[in-house]
C-alpha atoms as a PDB file:
ATOM      1  CA  UNK A   1     -23.803 107.356 -22.146  1.00  0.00           C
ATOM      2  CA  UNK A   2     -24.684 104.874 -24.897  1.00  0.00           C
ATOM      3  CA  UNK A   3     -24.338 101.647 -22.936  1.00  0.00           C
ATOM      4  CA  UNK A   4     -24.557  99.350 -25.964  1.00  0.00           C
ATOM      5  CA  UNK A   5     -21.789 101.245 -27.720  1.00  0.00           C
ATOM      6  CA  UNK A   6     -19.634 101.160 -24.576  1.00  0.00           C
ATOM      7  CA  UNK A   7     -20.085  97.396 -24.219  1.00  0.00           C
ATOM      8  CA  UNK A   8     -19.292  96.880 -27.903  1.00  0.00           C
ATOM      9  CA  UNK A   9     -16.141  98.969 -27.568  1.00  0.00           C
ATOM     10  CA  UNK A  10     -14.727  97.221 -24.472  1.00  0.00           C
ATOM     11  CA  UNK A  11     -16.439  93.820 -24.498  1.00  0.00           C
ATOM     12  CA  UNK A  12     -13.494  92.159 -26.236  1.00  0.00           C
ATOM     13  CA  UNK A  13     -11.151  93.329 -23.464  1.00  0.00           C
ATOM     14  CA  UNK A  14     -13.462  91.932 -20.787  1.00  0.00           C
ATOM     15  CA  UNK A  15     -13.727  88.586 -22.547  1.00  0.00           C
ATOM     16  CA  UNK A  16      -9.953  88.462 -22.943  1.00  0.00           C
ATOM     17  CA  UNK A  17      -9.546  89.183 -19.225  1.00  0.00           C
ATOM     18  CA  UNK A  18     -12.021  86.447 -18.371  1.00  0.00           C
ATOM     19  CA  UNK A  19     -10.105  84.039 -20.608  1.00  0.00           C
ATOM     20  CA  UNK A  20      -6.794  84.812 -18.909  1.00  0.00           C
ATOM     21  CA  UNK A  21      -8.374  84.398 -15.481  1.00  0.00           C
ATOM     22  CA  UNK A  22      -9.640  80.976 -16.473  1.00  0.00           C
ATOM     23  CA  UNK A  23      -6.191  79.698 -17.307  1.00  0.00           C
ATOM     24  CA  UNK A  24      -3.858  78.198 -14.666  1.00  0.00           C
ATOM     25  CA  UNK A  25      -1.540  80.909 -13.394  1.00  0.00           C
ATOM     26  CA  UNK A  26       1.583  78.808 -13.860  1.00  0.00           C
ATOM     27  CA  UNK A  27       0.873  78.451 -17.579  1.00  0.00           C
ATOM     28  CA  UNK A  28       0.673  82.190 -18.228  1.00  0.00           C
ATOM     29  CA  UNK A  29       3.648  83.653 -20.052  1.00  0.00           C
ATOM     30  CA  UNK A  30       5.298  86.857 -18.746  1.00  0.00           C
ATOM     31  CA  UNK A  31       3.593  88.778 -21.549  1.00  0.00           C
ATOM     32  CA  UNK A  32       0.194  87.361 -20.580  1.00  0.00           C
ATOM     33  CA  UNK A  33       0.764  88.266 -16.914  1.00  0.00           C
ATOM     34  CA  UNK A  34       1.489  91.865 -17.948  1.00  0.00           C
ATOM     35  CA  UNK A  35      -1.604  91.794 -20.144  1.00  0.00           C
ATOM     36  CA  UNK A  36      -3.687  90.475 -17.242  1.00  0.00           C
ATOM     37  CA  UNK A  37      -2.575  93.340 -14.993  1.00  0.00           C
ATOM     38  CA  UNK A  38      -3.273  95.906 -17.713  1.00  0.00           C
ATOM     39  CA  UNK A  39      -6.729  94.502 -18.474  1.00  0.00           C
ATOM     40  CA  UNK A  40      -7.565  94.401 -14.751  1.00  0.00           C
ATOM     41  CA  UNK A  41      -6.756  98.085 -14.397  1.00  0.00           C
ATOM     42  CA  UNK A  42      -8.773  98.971 -17.473  1.00  0.00           C
ATOM     43  CA  UNK A  43     -11.725  96.900 -16.300  1.00  0.00           C
ATOM     44  CA  UNK A  44     -11.643  98.685 -12.925  1.00  0.00           C
ATOM     45  CA  UNK A  45     -11.853 102.007 -14.777  1.00  0.00           C
ATOM     46  CA  UNK A  46     -14.679 100.696 -16.965  1.00  0.00           C
ATOM     47  CA  UNK A  47     -16.572  99.588 -13.854  1.00  0.00           C
ATOM     48  CA  UNK A  48     -16.229 103.047 -12.373  1.00  0.00           C
ATOM     49  CA  UNK A  49     -17.536 104.621 -15.578  1.00  0.00           C
ATOM     50  CA  UNK A  50     -20.507 102.263 -15.795  1.00  0.00           C
ATOM     51  CA  UNK A  51     -21.397 102.831 -12.144  1.00  0.00           C
ATOM     52  CA  UNK A  52     -21.263 106.603 -12.390  1.00  0.00           C
ATOM     53  CA  UNK A  53     -22.829 107.149 -15.804  1.00  0.00           C
ATOM     54  CA  UNK A  54     -25.154 104.235 -16.390  1.00  0.00           C
ATOM     55  CA  UNK A  55     -25.793 102.199 -13.268  1.00  0.00           C
ATOM     56  CA  UNK A  56     -27.143  99.199 -15.183  1.00  0.00           C
ATOM     57  CA  UNK A  57     -27.410  96.621 -12.350  1.00  0.00           C
ATOM     58  CA  UNK A  58     -26.750  93.572 -14.513  1.00  0.00           C
ATOM     59  CA  UNK A  59     -23.623  94.964 -16.138  1.00  0.00           C
ATOM     60  CA  UNK A  60     -22.373  96.440 -12.848  1.00  0.00           C
ATOM     61  CA  UNK A  61     -22.755  93.065 -11.106  1.00  0.00           C
ATOM     62  CA  UNK A  62     -21.010  91.201 -13.934  1.00  0.00           C
ATOM     63  CA  UNK A  63     -18.130  93.654 -14.140  1.00  0.00           C
ATOM     64  CA  UNK A  64     -17.804  93.730 -10.342  1.00  0.00           C
ATOM     65  CA  UNK A  65     -17.329  89.964 -10.233  1.00  0.00           C
ATOM     66  CA  UNK A  66     -14.807  90.149 -13.068  1.00  0.00           C
ATOM     67  CA  UNK A  67     -12.798  92.911 -11.367  1.00  0.00           C
ATOM     68  CA  UNK A  68     -12.852  91.072  -8.026  1.00  0.00           C
ATOM     69  CA  UNK A  69     -11.603  87.875  -9.671  1.00  0.00           C
ATOM     70  CA  UNK A  70      -8.871  89.793 -11.436  1.00  0.00           C
ATOM     71  CA  UNK A  71      -7.851  91.604  -8.293  1.00  0.00           C
ATOM     72  CA  UNK A  72      -7.551  88.329  -6.374  1.00  0.00           C
ATOM     73  CA  UNK A  73      -5.370  86.974  -9.181  1.00  0.00           C
ATOM     74  CA  UNK A  74      -3.171  90.075  -9.369  1.00  0.00           C
ATOM     75  CA  UNK A  75      -2.788  90.571  -5.615  1.00  0.00           C
ATOM     76  CA  UNK A  76      -3.728  87.311  -3.872  1.00  0.00           C
ATOM     77  CA  UNK A  77      -4.167  87.212  -0.131  1.00  0.00           C
ATOM     78  CA  UNK A  78      -1.135  86.198   1.863  1.00  0.00           C
ATOM     79  CA  UNK A  79      -3.381  83.965   3.940  1.00  0.00           C
ATOM     80  CA  UNK A  80      -2.996  83.225   7.615  1.00  0.00           C
ATOM     81  CA  UNK A  81       0.431  83.655   9.147  1.00  0.00           C
ATOM     82  CA  UNK A  82       1.818  84.128  12.619  1.00  0.00           C
ATOM     83  CA  UNK A  83       3.630  87.218  11.392  1.00  0.00           C
ATOM     84  CA  UNK A  84       0.306  88.796  10.412  1.00  0.00           C
ATOM     85  CA  UNK A  85      -1.183  87.987  13.825  1.00  0.00           C
ATOM     86  CA  UNK A  86       1.887  89.415  15.540  1.00  0.00           C
ATOM     87  CA  UNK A  87       1.703  92.595  13.494  1.00  0.00           C
ATOM     88  CA  UNK A  88      -1.989  92.979  14.264  1.00  0.00           C
ATOM     89  CA  UNK A  89      -1.507  92.863  18.039  1.00  0.00           C
ATOM     90  CA  UNK A  90       1.809  94.729  18.169  1.00  0.00           C
ATOM     91  CA  UNK A  91       1.150  97.382  15.523  1.00  0.00           C
ATOM     92  CA  UNK A  92      -2.277  97.564  13.878  1.00  0.00           C
ATOM     93  CA  UNK A  93      -4.561  97.362  16.907  1.00  0.00           C
ATOM     94  CA  UNK A  94      -2.602  99.517  19.393  1.00  0.00           C
ATOM     95  CA  UNK A  95      -1.833 102.164  16.751  1.00  0.00           C
ATOM     96  CA  UNK A  96      -5.479 102.350  15.718  1.00  0.00           C
ATOM     97  CA  UNK A  97      -6.687 102.721  19.314  1.00  0.00           C
ATOM     98  CA  UNK A  98      -3.929 105.218  20.142  1.00  0.00           C
ATOM     99  CA  UNK A  99      -4.808 107.409  17.149  1.00  0.00           C
ATOM    100  CA  UNK A 100      -8.459 107.620  18.184  1.00  0.00           C
ATOM    101  CA  UNK A 101      -7.585 108.185  21.850  1.00  0.00           C
ATOM    102  CA  UNK A 102      -9.389 111.533  22.122  1.00  0.00           C
ATOM    103  CA  UNK A 103     -12.607 109.993  20.838  1.00  0.00           C
ATOM    104  CA  UNK A 104     -12.371 107.194  23.416  1.00  0.00           C
ATOM    105  CA  UNK A 105     -11.522 109.655  26.186  1.00  0.00           C
ATOM    106  CA  UNK A 106     -14.492 111.825  25.233  1.00  0.00           C
ATOM    107  CA  UNK A 107     -16.835 108.846  25.360  1.00  0.00           C
ATOM    108  CA  UNK A 108     -15.422 107.864  28.760  1.00  0.00           C
ATOM    109  CA  UNK A 109     -15.755 111.327  30.277  1.00  0.00           C
ATOM    110  CA  UNK A 110     -19.304 111.753  29.002  1.00  0.00           C
ATOM    111  CA  UNK A 111     -20.328 108.315  30.258  1.00  0.00           C
ATOM    112  CA  UNK A 112     -18.781 108.709  33.715  1.00  0.00           C
ATOM    113  CA  UNK A 113     -20.111 112.245  34.123  1.00  0.00           C
ATOM    114  CA  UNK A 114     -23.665 111.140  33.340  1.00  0.00           C
ATOM    115  CA  UNK A 115     -23.418 108.071  35.600  1.00  0.00           C
ATOM    116  CA  UNK A 116     -22.084 110.215  38.444  1.00  0.00           C
ATOM    117  CA  UNK A 117     -24.862 112.781  38.076  1.00  0.00           C
ATOM    118  CA  UNK A 118     -27.549 110.076  38.057  1.00  0.00           C
ATOM    119  CA  UNK A 119     -25.959 108.398  41.087  1.00  0.00           C
ATOM    120  CA  UNK A 120     -25.857 111.646  43.071  1.00  0.00           C
ATOM    121  CA  UNK A 121     -29.496 112.385  42.198  1.00  0.00           C
ATOM    122  CA  UNK A 122     -30.604 108.928  43.334  1.00  0.00           C
ATOM    123  CA  UNK A 123     -28.610 109.212  46.571  1.00  0.00           C
ATOM    124  CA  UNK A 124     -30.164 112.578  47.402  1.00  0.00           C
ATOM    125  CA  UNK A 125     -33.676 111.546  46.388  1.00  0.00           C
ATOM    126  CA  UNK A 126     -34.283 107.823  47.090  1.00  0.00           C
ATOM    127  CA  UNK A 127     -37.911 108.159  45.978  1.00  0.00           C
ATOM    128  CA  UNK A 128     -36.729 108.161  42.363  1.00  0.00           C
ATOM    129  CA  UNK A 129     -35.340 104.645  42.657  1.00  0.00           C
ATOM    130  CA  UNK A 130     -38.426 103.518  44.591  1.00  0.00           C
ATOM    131  CA  UNK A 131     -40.710 104.794  41.834  1.00  0.00           C
ATOM    132  CA  UNK A 132     -38.688 102.959  39.198  1.00  0.00           C
ATOM    133  CA  UNK A 133     -38.013  99.642  40.932  1.00  0.00           C
ATOM    134  CA  UNK A 134     -40.105  99.396  44.091  1.00  0.00           C
ATOM    135  CA  UNK A 135     -39.022  99.427  47.710  1.00  0.00           C
ATOM    136  CA  UNK A 136     -39.150  95.651  48.254  1.00  0.00           C
ATOM    137  CA  UNK A 137     -37.116  94.984  45.133  1.00  0.00           C
ATOM    138  CA  UNK A 138     -34.539  97.542  46.223  1.00  0.00           C
ATOM    139  CA  UNK A 139     -34.144  95.884  49.617  1.00  0.00           C
ATOM    140  CA  UNK A 140     -33.610  92.481  48.018  1.00  0.00           C
ATOM    141  CA  UNK A 141     -31.158  93.908  45.521  1.00  0.00           C
ATOM    142  CA  UNK A 142     -29.109  95.758  48.130  1.00  0.00           C
ATOM    143  CA  UNK A 143     -29.017  92.949  50.680  1.00  0.00           C
ATOM    144  CA  UNK A 144     -28.403  90.011  48.357  1.00  0.00           C
ATOM    145  CA  UNK A 145     -29.047  90.185  44.622  1.00  0.00           C
ATOM    146  CA  UNK A 146     -26.263  92.554  43.588  1.00  0.00           C
ATOM    147  CA  UNK A 147     -23.559  90.441  45.190  1.00  0.00           C
ATOM    148  CA  UNK A 148     -25.216  87.111  44.317  1.00  0.00           C
ATOM    149  CA  UNK A 149     -25.346  88.015  40.631  1.00  0.00           C
ATOM    150  CA  UNK A 150     -21.652  87.255  40.218  1.00  0.00           C
ATOM    151  CA  UNK A 151     -21.888  83.729  41.648  1.00  0.00           C
ATOM    152  CA  UNK A 152     -25.360  82.641  40.509  1.00  0.00           C
ATOM    153  CA  UNK A 153     -23.954  80.637  37.578  1.00  0.00           C
ATOM    154  CA  UNK A 154     -20.922  78.370  37.166  1.00  0.00           C
ATOM    155  CA  UNK A 155     -17.857  80.486  36.356  1.00  0.00           C
ATOM    156  CA  UNK A 156     -17.388  78.979  32.899  1.00  0.00           C
ATOM    157  CA  UNK A 157     -20.972  79.688  31.871  1.00  0.00           C
ATOM    158  CA  UNK A 158     -20.947  83.112  33.504  1.00  0.00           C
ATOM    159  CA  UNK A 159     -17.748  84.079  31.673  1.00  0.00           C
ATOM    160  CA  UNK A 160     -19.356  83.149  28.348  1.00  0.00           C
ATOM    161  CA  UNK A 161     -22.512  85.112  29.126  1.00  0.00           C
ATOM    162  CA  UNK A 162     -20.547  88.170  30.222  1.00  0.00           C
ATOM    163  CA  UNK A 163     -18.322  88.040  27.157  1.00  0.00           C
ATOM    164  CA  UNK A 164     -21.312  87.753  24.803  1.00  0.00           C
ATOM    165  CA  UNK A 165     -23.145  90.596  26.535  1.00  0.00           C
ATOM    166  CA  UNK A 166     -20.169  92.946  26.539  1.00  0.00           C
ATOM    167  CA  UNK A 167     -19.348  92.017  22.946  1.00  0.00           C
ATOM    168  CA  UNK A 168     -22.920  92.862  21.963  1.00  0.00           C
ATOM    169  CA  UNK A 169     -22.729  96.253  23.703  1.00  0.00           C
ATOM    170  CA  UNK A 170     -19.404  97.005  22.019  1.00  0.00           C
ATOM    171  CA  UNK A 171     -20.749  95.868  18.647  1.00  0.00           C
ATOM    172  CA  UNK A 172     -23.747  98.173  19.023  1.00  0.00           C
ATOM    173  CA  UNK A 173     -21.418 101.063  19.821  1.00  0.00           C
ATOM    174  CA  UNK A 174     -19.278 100.297  16.781  1.00  0.00           C
ATOM    175  CA  UNK A 175     -22.030  99.587  14.262  1.00  0.00           C
ATOM    176  CA  UNK A 176     -24.339 102.318  15.512  1.00  0.00           C
ATOM    177  CA  UNK A 177     -21.632 104.931  15.205  1.00  0.00           C
ATOM    178  CA  UNK A 178     -22.277 105.413  11.492  1.00  0.00           C
ATOM    179  CA  UNK A 179     -25.529 107.146  12.527  1.00  0.00           C
ATOM    180  CA  UNK A 180     -23.989 108.615  15.725  1.00  0.00           C
ATOM    181  CA  UNK A 181     -27.278 108.572  17.682  1.00  0.00           C
ATOM    182  CA  UNK A 182     -27.396 104.765  18.327  1.00  0.00           C
ATOM    183  CA  UNK A 183     -23.938 104.844  19.920  1.00  0.00           C
ATOM    184  CA  UNK A 184     -24.907 107.788  22.109  1.00  0.00           C
ATOM    185  CA  UNK A 185     -28.099 105.952  23.077  1.00  0.00           C
ATOM    186  CA  UNK A 186     -26.163 102.821  24.128  1.00  0.00           C
ATOM    187  CA  UNK A 187     -23.835 104.954  26.252  1.00  0.00           C
ATOM    188  CA  UNK A 188     -26.794 106.832  27.734  1.00  0.00           C
ATOM    189  CA  UNK A 189     -28.717 103.676  28.710  1.00  0.00           C
ATOM    190  CA  UNK A 190     -25.693 101.992  30.270  1.00  0.00           C
ATOM    191  CA  UNK A 191     -24.649 105.158  32.112  1.00  0.00           C
ATOM    192  CA  UNK A 192     -28.195 105.537  33.464  1.00  0.00           C
ATOM    193  CA  UNK A 193     -28.207 101.928  34.678  1.00  0.00           C
ATOM    194  CA  UNK A 194     -24.788 102.251  36.291  1.00  0.00           C
ATOM    195  CA  UNK A 195     -25.733 105.515  37.981  1.00  0.00           C
ATOM    196  CA  UNK A 196     -29.035 104.103  39.232  1.00  0.00           C
ATOM    197  CA  UNK A 197     -27.449 100.944  40.658  1.00  0.00           C
ATOM    198  CA  UNK A 198     -24.556 102.891  42.161  1.00  0.00           C
ATOM    199  CA  UNK A 199     -26.901 105.439  43.692  1.00  0.00           C
ATOM    200  CA  UNK A 200     -29.023 102.715  45.260  1.00  0.00           C
ATOM    201  CA  UNK A 201     -26.068 100.821  46.694  1.00  0.00           C
ATOM    202  CA  UNK A 202     -24.245 103.908  47.989  1.00  0.00           C
ATOM    203  CA  UNK A 203     -27.462 105.407  49.325  1.00  0.00           C
ATOM    204  CA  UNK A 204     -28.054 102.261  51.399  1.00  0.00           C
ATOM    205  CA  UNK A 205     -24.557 102.208  52.836  1.00  0.00           C
ATOM    206  CA  UNK A 206     -23.206  99.488  50.536  1.00  0.00           C
ATOM    207  CA  UNK A 207     -20.619 101.568  48.681  1.00  0.00           C
ATOM    208  CA  UNK A 208     -17.881  99.132  49.696  1.00  0.00           C
ATOM    209  CA  UNK A 209     -19.740  96.213  48.111  1.00  0.00           C
ATOM    210  CA  UNK A 210     -20.609  98.152  44.963  1.00  0.00           C
ATOM    211  CA  UNK A 211     -17.158  99.541  44.236  1.00  0.00           C
ATOM    212  CA  UNK A 212     -15.401  96.471  45.631  1.00  0.00           C
ATOM    213  CA  UNK A 213     -17.120  94.229  43.098  1.00  0.00           C
ATOM    214  CA  UNK A 214     -17.729  96.313  40.000  1.00  0.00           C
ATOM    215  CA  UNK A 215     -14.288  97.934  39.915  1.00  0.00           C
ATOM    216  CA  UNK A 216     -12.468  94.597  39.723  1.00  0.00           C
ATOM    217  CA  UNK A 217     -13.630  93.830  36.197  1.00  0.00           C
ATOM    218  CA  UNK A 218     -15.201  97.184  35.342  1.00  0.00           C
ATOM    219  CA  UNK A 219     -11.891  98.958  34.784  1.00  0.00           C
ATOM    220  CA  UNK A 220     -11.089  96.857  31.729  1.00  0.00           C
ATOM    221  CA  UNK A 221     -14.688  96.214  30.721  1.00  0.00           C
ATOM    222  CA  UNK A 222     -15.725  99.858  30.567  1.00  0.00           C
ATOM    223  CA  UNK A 223     -12.448 100.817  28.911  1.00  0.00           C
ATOM    224  CA  UNK A 224     -13.262  98.392  26.099  1.00  0.00           C
ATOM    225  CA  UNK A 225     -16.748  99.866  25.743  1.00  0.00           C
ATOM    226  CA  UNK A 226     -15.332 103.394  25.661  1.00  0.00           C
ATOM    227  CA  UNK A 227     -12.893 102.364  22.924  1.00  0.00           C
ATOM    228  CA  UNK A 228     -15.732 100.801  20.924  1.00  0.00           C
ATOM    229  CA  UNK A 229     -17.850 103.922  21.376  1.00  0.00           C
ATOM    230  CA  UNK A 230     -14.974 106.179  20.356  1.00  0.00           C
ATOM    231  CA  UNK A 231     -14.361 104.113  17.236  1.00  0.00           C
ATOM    232  CA  UNK A 232     -18.068 104.132  16.388  1.00  0.00           C
ATOM    233  CA  UNK A 233     -18.372 107.894  16.806  1.00  0.00           C
ATOM    234  CA  UNK A 234     -15.242 108.324  14.694  1.00  0.00           C
ATOM    235  CA  UNK A 235     -16.991 106.396  11.913  1.00  0.00           C
ATOM    236  CA  UNK A 236     -20.006 108.708  12.143  1.00  0.00           C
ATOM    237  CA  UNK A 237     -17.846 111.824  12.121  1.00  0.00           C
ATOM    238  CA  UNK A 238     -15.907 110.587   9.080  1.00  0.00           C
ATOM    239  CA  UNK A 239     -18.845 111.194   6.733  1.00  0.00           C
ATOM    240  CA  UNK A 240     -19.962 114.350   8.528  1.00  0.00           C
ATOM    241  CA  UNK A 241     -16.521 115.971   8.249  1.00  0.00           C
ATOM    242  CA  UNK A 242     -14.352 113.879   5.887  1.00  0.00           C
ATOM    243  CA  UNK A 243     -11.631 116.508   5.546  1.00  0.00           C
ATOM    244  CA  UNK A 244     -10.230 118.178   2.456  1.00  0.00           C
ATOM    245  CA  UNK A 245      -8.263 115.302   0.971  1.00  0.00           C
ATOM    246  CA  UNK A 246     -10.946 112.577   1.068  1.00  0.00           C
ATOM    247  CA  UNK A 247     -14.474 112.174  -0.194  1.00  0.00           C
ATOM    248  CA  UNK A 248     -17.120 111.091   2.273  1.00  0.00           C
ATOM    249  CA  UNK A 249     -17.060 107.557   0.887  1.00  0.00           C
ATOM    250  CA  UNK A 250     -13.272 107.327   1.185  1.00  0.00           C
ATOM    251  CA  UNK A 251     -13.280 108.736   4.724  1.00  0.00           C
ATOM    252  CA  UNK A 252     -16.067 106.364   5.742  1.00  0.00           C
ATOM    253  CA  UNK A 253     -14.197 103.405   4.243  1.00  0.00           C
ATOM    254  CA  UNK A 254     -11.030 104.262   6.161  1.00  0.00           C
ATOM    255  CA  UNK A 255     -12.909 104.745   9.448  1.00  0.00           C
ATOM    256  CA  UNK A 256     -14.793 101.515   8.816  1.00  0.00           C
ATOM    257  CA  UNK A 257     -11.541  99.598   8.412  1.00  0.00           C
ATOM    258  CA  UNK A 258     -10.295 101.106  11.671  1.00  0.00           C
ATOM    259  CA  UNK A 259     -13.522 100.096  13.420  1.00  0.00           C
ATOM    260  CA  UNK A 260     -13.071  96.529  12.171  1.00  0.00           C
ATOM    261  CA  UNK A 261      -9.558  96.461  13.635  1.00  0.00           C
ATOM    262  CA  UNK A 262     -10.938  97.701  16.967  1.00  0.00           C
ATOM    263  CA  UNK A 263     -13.682  95.071  16.944  1.00  0.00           C
ATOM    264  CA  UNK A 264     -11.209  92.224  16.435  1.00  0.00           C
ATOM    265  CA  UNK A 265      -8.817  93.460  19.113  1.00  0.00           C
ATOM    266  CA  UNK A 266     -11.510  94.168  21.679  1.00  0.00           C
ATOM    267  CA  UNK A 267     -12.812  90.617  21.349  1.00  0.00           C
ATOM    268  CA  UNK A 268      -9.678  89.412  23.137  1.00  0.00           C
ATOM    269  CA  UNK A 269      -9.718  92.184  25.761  1.00  0.00           C
ATOM    270  CA  UNK A 270     -13.401  91.554  26.527  1.00  0.00           C
ATOM    271  CA  UNK A 271     -12.674  87.855  26.927  1.00  0.00           C
ATOM    272  CA  UNK A 272     -10.056  88.695  29.553  1.00  0.00           C
ATOM    273  CA  UNK A 273     -12.552  91.020  31.257  1.00  0.00           C
ATOM    274  CA  UNK A 274     -15.174  88.273  31.258  1.00  0.00           C
ATOM    275  CA  UNK A 275     -12.763  85.792  32.838  1.00  0.00           C
ATOM    276  CA  UNK A 276     -11.935  88.296  35.578  1.00  0.00           C
ATOM    277  CA  UNK A 277     -15.626  88.954  36.250  1.00  0.00           C
ATOM    278  CA  UNK A 278     -16.401  85.250  36.403  1.00  0.00           C
ATOM    279  CA  UNK A 279     -13.402  83.962  38.349  1.00  0.00           C
ATOM    280  CA  UNK A 280     -11.911  86.897  40.281  1.00  0.00           C
ATOM    281  CA  UNK A 281     -14.824  89.212  41.156  1.00  0.00           C
ATOM    282  CA  UNK A 282     -16.885  86.565  43.038  1.00  0.00           C
ATOM    283  CA  UNK A 283     -13.860  84.765  44.507  1.00  0.00           C
ATOM    284  CA  UNK A 284     -13.105  84.439  48.212  1.00  0.00           C
ATOM    285  CA  UNK A 285      -9.974  86.539  47.898  1.00  0.00           C
ATOM    286  CA  UNK A 286      -9.901  89.696  50.040  1.00  0.00           C
ATOM    287  CA  UNK A 287     -11.323  92.699  48.202  1.00  0.00           C
ATOM    288  CA  UNK A 288      -7.953  94.539  48.123  1.00  0.00           C
ATOM    289  CA  UNK A 289      -6.375  91.549  46.366  1.00  0.00           C
ATOM    290  CA  UNK A 290      -9.207  91.384  43.841  1.00  0.00           C
ATOM    291  CA  UNK A 291      -8.925  95.108  43.189  1.00  0.00           C
ATOM    292  CA  UNK A 292      -5.180  94.737  42.784  1.00  0.00           C
ATOM    293  CA  UNK A 293      -5.623  92.012  40.144  1.00  0.00           C
ATOM    294  CA  UNK A 294      -8.195  94.057  38.241  1.00  0.00           C
ATOM    295  CA  UNK A 295      -6.037  97.184  38.376  1.00  0.00           C
ATOM    296  CA  UNK A 296      -2.902  95.329  37.221  1.00  0.00           C
ATOM    297  CA  UNK A 297      -4.707  93.847  34.198  1.00  0.00           C
ATOM    298  CA  UNK A 298      -6.256  97.227  33.348  1.00  0.00           C
ATOM    299  CA  UNK A 299      -2.948  99.097  33.628  1.00  0.00           C
ATOM    300  CA  UNK A 300      -1.250  96.380  31.578  1.00  0.00           C
ATOM    301  CA  UNK A 301      -3.808  96.888  28.807  1.00  0.00           C
ATOM    302  CA  UNK A 302      -3.415 100.688  28.872  1.00  0.00           C
ATOM    303  CA  UNK A 303       0.372 100.351  28.937  1.00  0.00           C
ATOM    304  CA  UNK A 304       0.255  97.945  26.001  1.00  0.00           C
ATOM    305  CA  UNK A 305      -1.864 100.330  23.891  1.00  0.00           C
ATOM    306  CA  UNK A 306       0.184 103.416  24.803  1.00  0.00           C
ATOM    307  CA  UNK A 307       3.618 101.800  24.430  1.00  0.00           C
ATOM    308  CA  UNK A 308       3.072 100.007  21.127  1.00  0.00           C
ATOM    309  CA  UNK A 309       0.667 102.631  19.810  1.00  0.00           C
ATOM    310  CA  UNK A 310       3.053 105.512  20.433  1.00  0.00           C
ATOM    311  CA  UNK A 311       5.984 103.550  19.020  1.00  0.00           C
ATOM    312  CA  UNK A 312       3.999 102.761  15.872  1.00  0.00           C
ATOM    313  CA  UNK A 313       2.861 106.349  15.399  1.00  0.00           C
ATOM    314  CA  UNK A 314       6.456 107.569  15.666  1.00  0.00           C
ATOM    315  CA  UNK A 315       7.402 105.138  12.900  1.00  0.00           C
ATOM    316  CA  UNK A 316       4.631 106.561  10.721  1.00  0.00           C
ATOM    317  CA  UNK A 317       2.200 103.665  11.117  1.00  0.00           C
ATOM    318  CA  UNK A 318      -1.470 104.473  10.552  1.00  0.00           C
ATOM    319  CA  UNK A 319      -3.088 101.220  11.603  1.00  0.00           C
ATOM    320  CA  UNK A 320      -4.737 100.970   8.185  1.00  0.00           C
ATOM    321  CA  UNK A 321      -4.287  98.060   5.816  1.00  0.00           C
ATOM    322  CA  UNK A 322      -1.572  98.223   3.170  1.00  0.00           C
ATOM    323  CA  UNK A 323      -2.296 100.444   0.170  1.00  0.00           C
ATOM    324  CA  UNK A 324      -2.650  97.494  -2.227  1.00  0.00           C
ATOM    325  CA  UNK A 325      -5.359  95.985   0.026  1.00  0.00           C
ATOM    326  CA  UNK A 326      -7.543  99.097   0.015  1.00  0.00           C
ATOM    327  CA  UNK A 327     -10.330  99.895  -2.392  1.00  0.00           C
ATOM    328  CA  UNK A 328      -9.302 100.588  -5.956  1.00  0.00           C
ATOM    329  CA  UNK A 329      -9.940 104.192  -6.963  1.00  0.00           C
ATOM    330  CA  UNK A 330     -10.045 104.859 -10.675  1.00  0.00           C
ATOM    331  CA  UNK A 331     -10.784 108.120 -12.528  1.00  0.00           C
ATOM    332  CA  UNK A 332     -14.205 108.411 -14.073  1.00  0.00           C
ATOM    333  CA  UNK A 333     -13.608 111.449 -16.287  1.00  0.00           C
END
């Protein structure tokens, strides 16, 4: 493509669009508003052509800024509103999680299966744990350190640390999913650690302490991690098998938007999990009461996702952003 000729042919339209964008919106006549919309659409097509046939970085950057400015003028953001927040938590987030339920369930089953296998191996062969940690360290961990971990710091500080740690693990699962292997590695490492610790505690007759403490907050905490892993793996699969109706870029963009929704929603759920781990798990309440609290919160979260997710799916909701907020796709031929 002759880039100079293309710029000469359409440069006047771009300059006209830039002029209209520079004027106050209230002073634009109805005819100028229509012209602005038309020039925005044409500029989006021109940008697509330049990207695909020329790739000149300077022109692409300039046109990209112009198209973004025009798009914000044509379809401005609605801004923050309570209605948008309500829709996110009652429709967007639960529908998105519900639709990727099989991915989350697969991550959960794989994680728990691996952790169980490692735990059984460690129980049947204690020398493995001794070779990895040391006998003295194991004795200290079993007799004191495992239980003391939950009360070593003030609850407020501990809740913050737990939330940051679990958020980091979930973020790694989400972001690493585009390459698939990083998400699987995060699941593998955490399953190995859980199986090793569980095998040590159960093998030394402290199963009641292990399950009595970790289950209280672990039900919700691990569920959040499984959801993050499922969303991350869904992102990776989107470019491996995008389907017949979407290109790899389009499928990846859609899965990426869904992963962003999951990340925002899980931030709240992980905060609740962190508060339970900091204030309920190490409390002086009887273990059955603590387990009851953890189970109620976990079942409430599952019920929330299933109830609102299923209701949204039946209404035809996809969990994706509105069509006008998605990427603009223009023909290039």
